[in-house]
């Protein structure tokens, strides 16, 4: 060993691996969004009070599934409903039925519809249905867009709220006008109501009043409701009976679906009465974001329990800021950040049971720190 090597000391080891934003959020003392972590306890809590001798459903039949389907049909103001293991399956089947009825394999929906961007072209590849993308991606579908539809359209799908643009909603009068026009033209109107219950406080309408504008309706049980999984497809009895045939063809009639059904029913009862609270808390939280430098929300004033947060920083730098805030305050503001094509970054906020568990002083500390850090970024 030469003298230089002797005095240089031990070589530094590799730097510790940095935790991702998701890892930090998952371990945060006060995660801000959603209901809870998706873990087995969600199912255990739902089943804790259930009679162990309750007979399960079998291939789509039995008291446990039929009672829940009837209950949800009543909530939605429809004559019949069918429980599906997934909304992807339910919605593709709904559109297939309406296309077959009219003899036209074309439907219309928003360019950022779930079927278009999250389902690997399932509607096109499995059903050979051609979608017409309606309206600009950055705005809602309006009556004027619908009136310009070509004649050979079987069904129009509307998503309420439109998640990919911050959970925006049309005014109810606009919905009524679109519904009336579709009925005049013989176009079936289908509701992607994955977050239907979350918009009712804004509309000041019941689920049945909203669904009355639509020929078929899908709702989810793992978003605002917070169940394990599952969906309902509702409409007239002839429609739902046909959907059961397609459900079997899609492999959706598992031998038993009761873990999904029981958890859906349990968390529906737990949370349906909290939708007004989540809505008000989202409005409160959006106000806190909008008071921070370089931050805007879409919508500026939320119309449901969700909204998008836009920042002028790159996604990488914004992640670093959120990690720092969580480390200093224990408050996890988001588990991800995405890059915006127009520049800057964004993430989604969805309010659930967690929000109430965050102490007010901790929340204010987190937002004061966010404002301070963003001010520092703009002054560099």
Protein backbone atom coordinates (compact mmCIF):
# COMPACT_ATOMS: atom_id res chain seq x y z
CA UNK A 1 0.00 0.00 0.00
CA UNK A 2 1.49 3.36 -0.94
CA UNK A 3 1.34 6.41 1.30
CA UNK A 4 -1.57 8.02 -0.58
CA UNK A 5 -3.68 4.88 -0.24
CA UNK A 6 -2.74 4.56 3.44
CA UNK A 7 -4.01 8.04 4.34
CA UNK A 8 -7.07 8.15 2.07
CA UNK A 9 -9.22 6.11 4.48
CA UNK A 10 -11.95 3.65 3.53
CA UNK A 11 -13.77 4.22 0.27
CA UNK A 12 -17.35 5.45 0.70
CA UNK A 13 -20.01 2.81 0.15
CA UNK A 14 -22.93 3.18 -2.24
CA UNK A 15 -25.46 5.86 -1.41
CA UNK A 16 -28.64 4.53 0.21
CA UNK A 17 -31.44 4.01 -2.28
CA UNK A 18 -33.95 6.87 -2.26
CA UNK A 19 -37.52 6.02 -1.40
CA UNK A 20 -40.09 6.70 -4.08
CA UNK A 21 -42.98 9.11 -3.50
CA UNK A 22 -45.38 6.17 -3.30
CA UNK A 23 -43.27 4.45 -0.65
CA UNK A 24 -43.12 7.65 1.38
CA UNK A 25 -46.87 8.23 1.01
CA UNK A 26 -47.71 4.64 2.00
CA UNK A 27 -45.70 5.09 5.21
CA UNK A 28 -46.90 8.60 5.96
CA UNK A 29 -48.34 9.24 9.41
CA UNK A 30 -51.13 11.29 7.82
CA UNK A 31 -51.89 10.24 4.22
CA UNK A 32 -54.38 12.77 2.93
CA UNK A 33 -56.34 11.09 0.13
CA UNK A 34 -58.57 8.05 -0.19
CA UNK A 35 -60.08 5.87 2.51
CA UNK A 36 -57.25 3.52 3.50
CA UNK A 37 -54.59 1.25 2.06
CA UNK A 38 -55.86 -1.54 -0.14
CA UNK A 39 -55.11 -4.47 2.11
CA UNK A 40 -56.79 -7.62 3.41
CA UNK A 41 -58.23 -5.76 6.43
CA UNK A 42 -60.69 -4.07 4.05
CA UNK A 43 -62.30 -7.45 3.41
CA UNK A 44 -61.94 -8.65 7.00
CA UNK A 45 -63.84 -5.63 8.31
CA UNK A 46 -66.63 -6.16 5.80
CA UNK A 47 -67.05 -9.83 6.73
CA UNK A 48 -66.66 -9.46 10.50
CA UNK A 49 -70.38 -9.19 11.20
CA UNK A 50 -71.58 -11.63 8.52
CA UNK A 51 -73.18 -14.92 9.54
CA UNK A 52 -70.63 -17.58 8.65
CA UNK A 53 -73.43 -19.88 7.59
CA UNK A 54 -74.73 -17.47 4.95
CA UNK A 55 -75.06 -19.33 1.67
CA UNK A 56 -72.92 -17.92 -1.12
CA UNK A 57 -74.07 -17.02 -4.60
CA UNK A 58 -73.42 -19.60 -7.32
CA UNK A 59 -72.77 -18.61 -10.92
CA UNK A 60 -74.74 -15.38 -10.64
CA UNK A 61 -77.70 -16.74 -8.71
CA UNK A 62 -78.69 -16.92 -5.05
CA UNK A 63 -80.11 -14.69 -2.35
CA UNK A 64 -76.88 -12.83 -1.54
CA UNK A 65 -76.42 -11.53 -5.09
CA UNK A 66 -80.08 -11.14 -6.03
CA UNK A 67 -80.93 -9.14 -2.92
CA UNK A 68 -78.04 -6.76 -3.52
CA UNK A 69 -78.92 -6.35 -7.20
CA UNK A 70 -82.52 -5.50 -6.25
CA UNK A 71 -81.31 -3.03 -3.63
CA UNK A 72 -79.07 -1.21 -6.11
CA UNK A 73 -81.73 -1.17 -8.80
CA UNK A 74 -83.95 0.65 -6.31
CA UNK A 75 -81.23 3.14 -5.40
CA UNK A 76 -80.61 3.91 -9.08
CA UNK A 77 -84.29 4.09 -9.98
CA UNK A 78 -84.03 1.26 -12.51
CA UNK A 79 -86.16 -1.86 -12.83
CA UNK A 80 -83.27 -4.30 -12.71
CA UNK A 81 -79.53 -4.52 -12.03
CA UNK A 82 -76.73 -7.06 -12.46
CA UNK A 83 -73.58 -7.37 -10.33
CA UNK A 84 -70.34 -7.61 -12.34
CA UNK A 85 -66.80 -8.32 -11.11
CA UNK A 86 -65.51 -5.28 -13.04
CA UNK A 87 -66.75 -2.09 -14.63
CA UNK A 88 -64.63 -2.73 -17.71
CA UNK A 89 -66.67 -5.85 -18.40
CA UNK A 90 -69.99 -4.19 -17.57
CA UNK A 91 -69.52 -1.17 -19.83
CA UNK A 92 -68.25 -3.05 -22.86
CA UNK A 93 -71.27 -5.33 -22.57
CA UNK A 94 -73.68 -2.40 -22.24
CA UNK A 95 -72.36 -0.81 -25.43
CA UNK A 96 -72.39 -4.15 -27.25
CA UNK A 97 -76.06 -4.65 -26.39
CA UNK A 98 -77.05 -1.20 -27.63
CA UNK A 99 -75.08 -1.67 -30.85
CA UNK A 100 -76.68 -5.05 -31.51
CA UNK A 101 -80.14 -3.62 -30.86
CA UNK A 102 -79.68 -0.87 -33.44
CA UNK A 103 -77.59 -2.93 -35.86
CA UNK A 104 -74.85 -0.30 -35.83
CA UNK A 105 -71.41 -0.97 -34.35
CA UNK A 106 -70.58 2.65 -33.53
CA UNK A 107 -70.71 4.52 -30.24
CA UNK A 108 -69.61 7.99 -29.13
CA UNK A 109 -67.70 9.08 -26.05
CA UNK A 110 -65.13 11.56 -24.75
CA UNK A 111 -61.52 11.21 -26.03
CA UNK A 112 -60.36 10.54 -22.44
CA UNK A 113 -63.07 7.97 -21.73
CA UNK A 114 -61.89 4.95 -19.70
CA UNK A 115 -62.73 2.61 -22.60
CA UNK A 116 -60.46 4.60 -24.88
CA UNK A 117 -57.35 5.04 -22.74
CA UNK A 118 -57.32 2.32 -20.06
CA UNK A 119 -58.74 -0.87 -21.57
CA UNK A 120 -56.22 -1.89 -24.26
CA UNK A 121 -58.83 -1.32 -26.99
CA UNK A 122 -61.07 -4.02 -25.55
CA UNK A 123 -64.21 -2.54 -27.11
CA UNK A 124 -62.60 -2.57 -30.55
CA UNK A 125 -60.78 -5.89 -30.34
CA UNK A 126 -63.43 -7.95 -28.54
CA UNK A 127 -66.59 -6.41 -29.98
CA UNK A 128 -65.45 -4.71 -33.20
CA UNK A 129 -67.21 -1.52 -32.12
CA UNK A 130 -65.93 1.75 -33.56
CA UNK A 131 -65.83 4.72 -31.17
CA UNK A 132 -66.45 8.29 -32.29
CA UNK A 133 -64.39 10.61 -30.06
CA UNK A 134 -66.57 13.55 -29.17
CA UNK A 135 -65.41 17.04 -28.10
CA UNK A 136 -61.94 18.37 -27.36
CA UNK A 137 -59.98 16.27 -24.83
CA UNK A 138 -59.67 19.26 -22.47
CA UNK A 139 -63.37 20.02 -22.11
CA UNK A 140 -66.69 18.34 -21.45
CA UNK A 141 -69.08 17.01 -24.07
CA UNK A 142 -71.86 19.55 -24.63
CA UNK A 143 -75.23 19.53 -26.36
CA UNK A 144 -73.74 21.16 -29.47
CA UNK A 145 -71.28 18.26 -29.82
CA UNK A 146 -74.08 15.72 -29.49
CA UNK A 147 -76.22 17.49 -32.09
CA UNK A 148 -73.34 17.15 -34.57
CA UNK A 149 -73.14 13.36 -34.19
CA UNK A 150 -73.50 11.30 -37.36
CA UNK A 151 -76.79 9.46 -37.82
CA UNK A 152 -75.39 5.94 -37.48
CA UNK A 153 -74.59 6.01 -33.73
CA UNK A 154 -76.08 3.40 -31.41
CA UNK A 155 -75.10 4.87 -28.07
CA UNK A 156 -73.55 7.91 -26.42
CA UNK A 157 -71.55 7.34 -23.22
CA UNK A 158 -71.19 10.18 -20.71
CA UNK A 159 -68.83 9.94 -17.75
CA UNK A 160 -69.92 11.83 -14.63
CA UNK A 161 -67.64 13.27 -13.40
CA UNK A 162 -65.06 13.39 -16.22
CA UNK A 163 -62.11 12.10 -14.24
CA UNK A 164 -59.23 12.78 -16.60
CA UNK A 165 -59.97 16.52 -16.71
CA UNK A 166 -60.21 16.97 -12.97
CA UNK A 167 -63.67 15.56 -12.34
CA UNK A 168 -65.56 18.29 -14.18
CA UNK A 169 -69.35 18.13 -14.56
CA UNK A 170 -71.87 19.65 -16.95
CA UNK A 171 -74.72 21.56 -15.40
CA UNK A 172 -77.79 19.41 -14.81
CA UNK A 173 -79.86 21.38 -17.32
CA UNK A 174 -77.28 20.53 -19.99
CA UNK A 175 -77.60 16.85 -19.10
CA UNK A 176 -81.36 17.06 -19.41
CA UNK A 177 -81.05 18.65 -22.84
CA UNK A 178 -78.60 15.98 -24.04
CA UNK A 179 -80.88 13.24 -22.74
CA UNK A 180 -83.94 14.69 -24.47
CA UNK A 181 -82.06 15.05 -27.76
CA UNK A 182 -80.77 11.47 -27.64
CA UNK A 183 -84.26 10.12 -27.05
CA UNK A 184 -85.62 12.14 -29.96
CA UNK A 185 -82.90 10.72 -32.22
CA UNK A 186 -83.14 7.14 -30.98
CA UNK A 187 -79.61 7.22 -29.53
CA UNK A 188 -79.22 5.24 -26.31
CA UNK A 189 -77.55 7.15 -23.48
CA UNK A 190 -75.26 5.23 -21.13
CA UNK A 191 -73.84 6.58 -17.85
CA UNK A 192 -70.30 5.81 -16.76
CA UNK A 193 -71.19 6.49 -13.14
CA UNK A 194 -68.08 5.02 -11.56
CA UNK A 195 -68.19 8.02 -9.20
CA UNK A 196 -71.93 8.68 -9.37
CA UNK A 197 -72.53 8.99 -5.62
CA UNK A 198 -69.71 11.52 -5.29
CA UNK A 199 -71.45 14.04 -7.60
CA UNK A 200 -74.88 13.99 -5.94
CA UNK A 201 -74.04 16.71 -3.35
CA UNK A 202 -73.18 19.14 -6.17
CA UNK A 203 -76.26 18.39 -8.25
CA UNK A 204 -78.53 18.24 -5.19
CA UNK A 205 -80.21 15.29 -6.87
CA UNK A 206 -80.78 11.68 -5.90
CA UNK A 207 -79.03 8.87 -7.75
CA UNK A 208 -82.40 7.91 -9.26
CA UNK A 209 -82.96 11.45 -10.56
CA UNK A 210 -79.61 11.48 -12.35
CA UNK A 211 -79.98 7.94 -13.66
CA UNK A 212 -83.47 8.74 -14.95
CA UNK A 213 -81.80 10.62 -17.80
CA UNK A 214 -79.98 7.49 -18.97
CA UNK A 215 -81.00 4.19 -20.59
CA UNK A 216 -78.28 2.21 -18.81
CA UNK A 217 -76.06 2.94 -15.84
CA UNK A 218 -72.79 1.56 -14.45
CA UNK A 219 -71.55 2.26 -10.93
CA UNK A 220 -68.37 1.13 -9.16
CA UNK A 221 -67.91 -0.11 -5.61
CA UNK A 222 -64.18 0.40 -5.06
CA UNK A 223 -63.77 4.15 -5.71
CA UNK A 224 -65.72 6.50 -3.44
CA UNK A 225 -67.44 3.52 -1.80
CA UNK A 226 -64.11 1.83 -1.05
CA UNK A 227 -65.11 -1.83 -1.42
CA UNK A 228 -62.82 -4.58 -2.67
CA UNK A 229 -64.07 -4.64 -6.28
CA UNK A 230 -67.22 -4.98 -8.33
CA UNK A 231 -69.78 -3.02 -10.30
CA UNK A 232 -73.48 -2.78 -11.04
CA UNK A 233 -75.04 -2.44 -14.47
CA UNK A 234 -78.66 -1.29 -14.34
CA UNK A 235 -81.51 -0.70 -16.79
CA UNK A 236 -84.69 -2.28 -18.09
CA UNK A 237 -85.19 -6.03 -17.42
CA UNK A 238 -84.72 -7.01 -21.09
CA UNK A 239 -81.41 -5.15 -21.10
CA UNK A 240 -80.12 -6.67 -17.86
CA UNK A 241 -81.18 -10.19 -18.86
CA UNK A 242 -79.17 -9.82 -22.04
CA UNK A 243 -76.24 -8.47 -20.04
CA UNK A 244 -76.27 -11.67 -17.97
CA UNK A 245 -75.76 -13.71 -21.14
CA UNK A 246 -72.81 -11.55 -22.10
CA UNK A 247 -71.49 -11.70 -18.55
CA UNK A 248 -71.33 -15.50 -18.87
CA UNK A 249 -69.64 -15.20 -22.27
CA UNK A 250 -67.02 -12.87 -20.75
CA UNK A 251 -66.28 -15.29 -17.92
CA UNK A 252 -67.80 -12.93 -15.38
CA UNK A 253 -70.01 -15.54 -13.73
CA UNK A 254 -67.42 -16.75 -11.24
CA UNK A 255 -68.64 -19.63 -9.13
CA UNK A 256 -69.05 -17.12 -6.28
CA UNK A 257 -68.76 -13.34 -6.07
CA UNK A 258 -69.87 -12.94 -2.46
CA UNK A 259 -66.62 -11.40 -1.10
CA UNK A 260 -67.09 -8.53 -3.56
CA UNK A 261 -70.85 -8.28 -2.98
CA UNK A 262 -70.69 -8.31 0.81
CA UNK A 263 -67.86 -5.78 0.91
CA UNK A 264 -69.68 -3.58 -1.61
CA UNK A 265 -72.84 -3.60 0.52
CA UNK A 266 -70.93 -3.05 3.77
CA UNK A 267 -68.94 -0.05 2.53
CA UNK A 268 -71.92 1.38 0.65
CA UNK A 269 -73.78 1.60 3.97
CA UNK A 270 -70.66 2.94 5.70
CA UNK A 271 -69.97 5.75 3.23
CA UNK A 272 -73.05 6.71 1.24
CA UNK A 273 -73.99 9.18 3.98
CA UNK A 274 -70.53 10.80 3.90
CA UNK A 275 -70.53 12.00 0.30
CA UNK A 276 -71.58 15.53 1.31
CA UNK A 277 -68.71 15.63 3.83
CA UNK A 278 -66.15 14.45 1.25
CA UNK A 279 -67.42 17.10 -1.18
CA UNK A 280 -67.09 19.93 1.35
CA UNK A 281 -63.65 18.73 2.41
CA UNK A 282 -62.50 18.68 -1.22
CA UNK A 283 -63.61 22.30 -1.60
CA UNK A 284 -61.73 23.21 1.58
CA UNK A 285 -58.57 21.42 0.45
CA UNK A 286 -58.66 22.93 -3.04
CA UNK A 287 -58.76 26.36 -1.40
CA UNK A 288 -55.56 25.52 0.49
CA UNK A 289 -53.82 24.43 -2.71
CA UNK A 290 -54.93 27.53 -4.61
CA UNK A 291 -53.39 29.77 -1.95
CA UNK A 292 -49.95 28.28 -2.66
CA UNK A 293 -47.62 29.96 -5.15
CA UNK A 294 -47.47 28.25 -8.52
CA UNK A 295 -50.41 25.93 -7.78
CA UNK A 296 -53.86 25.81 -9.39
CA UNK A 297 -56.62 23.24 -9.17
CA UNK A 298 -59.00 21.96 -11.81
CA UNK A 299 -61.79 22.69 -11.19
CA UNK A 300 -60.84 25.73 -9.13
CA UNK A 301 -63.83 24.91 -6.91
CA UNK A 302 -64.41 21.13 -6.99
CA UNK A 303 -67.79 19.72 -8.00
CA UNK A 304 -67.21 16.35 -6.35
CA UNK A 305 -64.75 14.83 -3.89
CA UNK A 306 -61.95 14.92 -6.48
CA UNK A 307 -59.89 17.47 -8.40
CA UNK A 308 -56.50 17.82 -10.09
CA UNK A 309 -53.57 19.84 -8.74
CA UNK A 310 -51.37 21.60 -11.32
CA UNK A 311 -47.86 22.80 -10.47
CA UNK A 312 -45.26 24.68 -12.47
CA UNK A 313 -42.47 22.28 -11.41
CA UNK A 314 -41.37 19.19 -13.30
CA UNK A 315 -42.81 15.93 -12.02
CA UNK A 316 -39.39 14.92 -10.67
CA UNK A 317 -38.94 18.14 -8.71
CA UNK A 318 -42.53 18.12 -7.48
CA UNK A 319 -42.04 14.57 -6.19
CA UNK A 320 -38.98 15.75 -4.28
CA UNK A 321 -40.99 18.60 -2.75
CA UNK A 322 -43.79 16.26 -1.66
CA UNK A 323 -41.29 13.80 -0.18
CA UNK A 324 -39.67 16.64 1.79
CA UNK A 325 -43.04 17.84 3.10
CA UNK A 326 -44.00 14.36 4.20
CA UNK A 327 -40.66 13.92 5.93
CA UNK A 328 -41.02 17.21 7.84
CA UNK A 329 -44.73 17.08 8.70
CA UNK A 330 -45.86 13.46 8.33
CA UNK A 331 -48.53 14.57 5.84
CA UNK A 332 -48.65 12.67 2.54
CA UNK A 333 -50.24 14.93 -0.08
CA UNK A 334 -50.09 12.47 -3.00
CA UNK A 335 -48.60 9.12 -3.92
CA UNK A 336 -47.72 10.12 -7.50
CA UNK A 337 -47.00 13.08 -9.79
CA UNK A 338 -47.31 13.05 -13.58
CA UNK A 339 -45.74 15.27 -16.22
CA UNK A 340 -48.08 17.57 -18.16
CA UNK A 341 -47.68 17.81 -21.93
CA UNK A 342 -48.20 21.57 -21.63
CA UNK A 343 -45.36 21.81 -19.10
CA UNK A 344 -45.23 21.40 -15.36
CA UNK A 345 -46.84 18.52 -13.52
CA UNK A 346 -50.06 17.40 -11.87
CA UNK A 347 -51.61 14.86 -9.53
CA UNK A 348 -55.12 13.82 -8.57
CA UNK A 349 -56.75 14.33 -5.19
CA UNK A 350 -59.67 12.18 -4.07
CA UNK A 351 -61.08 12.79 -0.59
CA UNK A 352 -62.21 9.93 1.63
CA UNK A 353 -62.08 8.87 5.27
CA UNK A 354 -58.40 9.71 5.69
CA UNK A 355 -58.93 13.47 5.52
CA UNK A 356 -60.72 13.63 8.89
CA UNK A 357 -57.79 11.86 10.57
CA UNK A 358 -55.29 14.63 9.72
CA UNK A 359 -54.91 17.13 12.59
CA UNK A 360 -55.67 20.69 11.52
CA UNK A 361 -52.32 22.04 12.70
CA UNK A 362 -50.46 19.38 10.73
CA UNK A 363 -52.45 20.16 7.60
CA UNK A 364 -51.73 23.90 7.87
CA UNK A 365 -48.07 23.18 8.54
CA UNK A 366 -47.88 21.05 5.38
CA UNK A 367 -49.42 23.78 3.23
CA UNK A 368 -47.32 26.55 4.72
CA UNK A 369 -44.28 24.43 3.90
CA UNK A 370 -45.57 23.74 0.38
CA UNK A 371 -46.05 27.47 -0.24
CA UNK A 372 -42.60 28.23 1.18
CA UNK A 373 -40.87 25.62 -0.97
CA UNK A 374 -42.68 26.72 -4.12
CA UNK A 375 -41.79 30.34 -3.37
CA UNK A 376 -38.17 29.27 -3.15
CA UNK A 377 -38.45 27.58 -6.55
CA UNK A 378 -39.84 30.70 -8.24
CA UNK A 379 -37.11 32.89 -6.76
CA UNK A 380 -34.25 30.73 -8.02
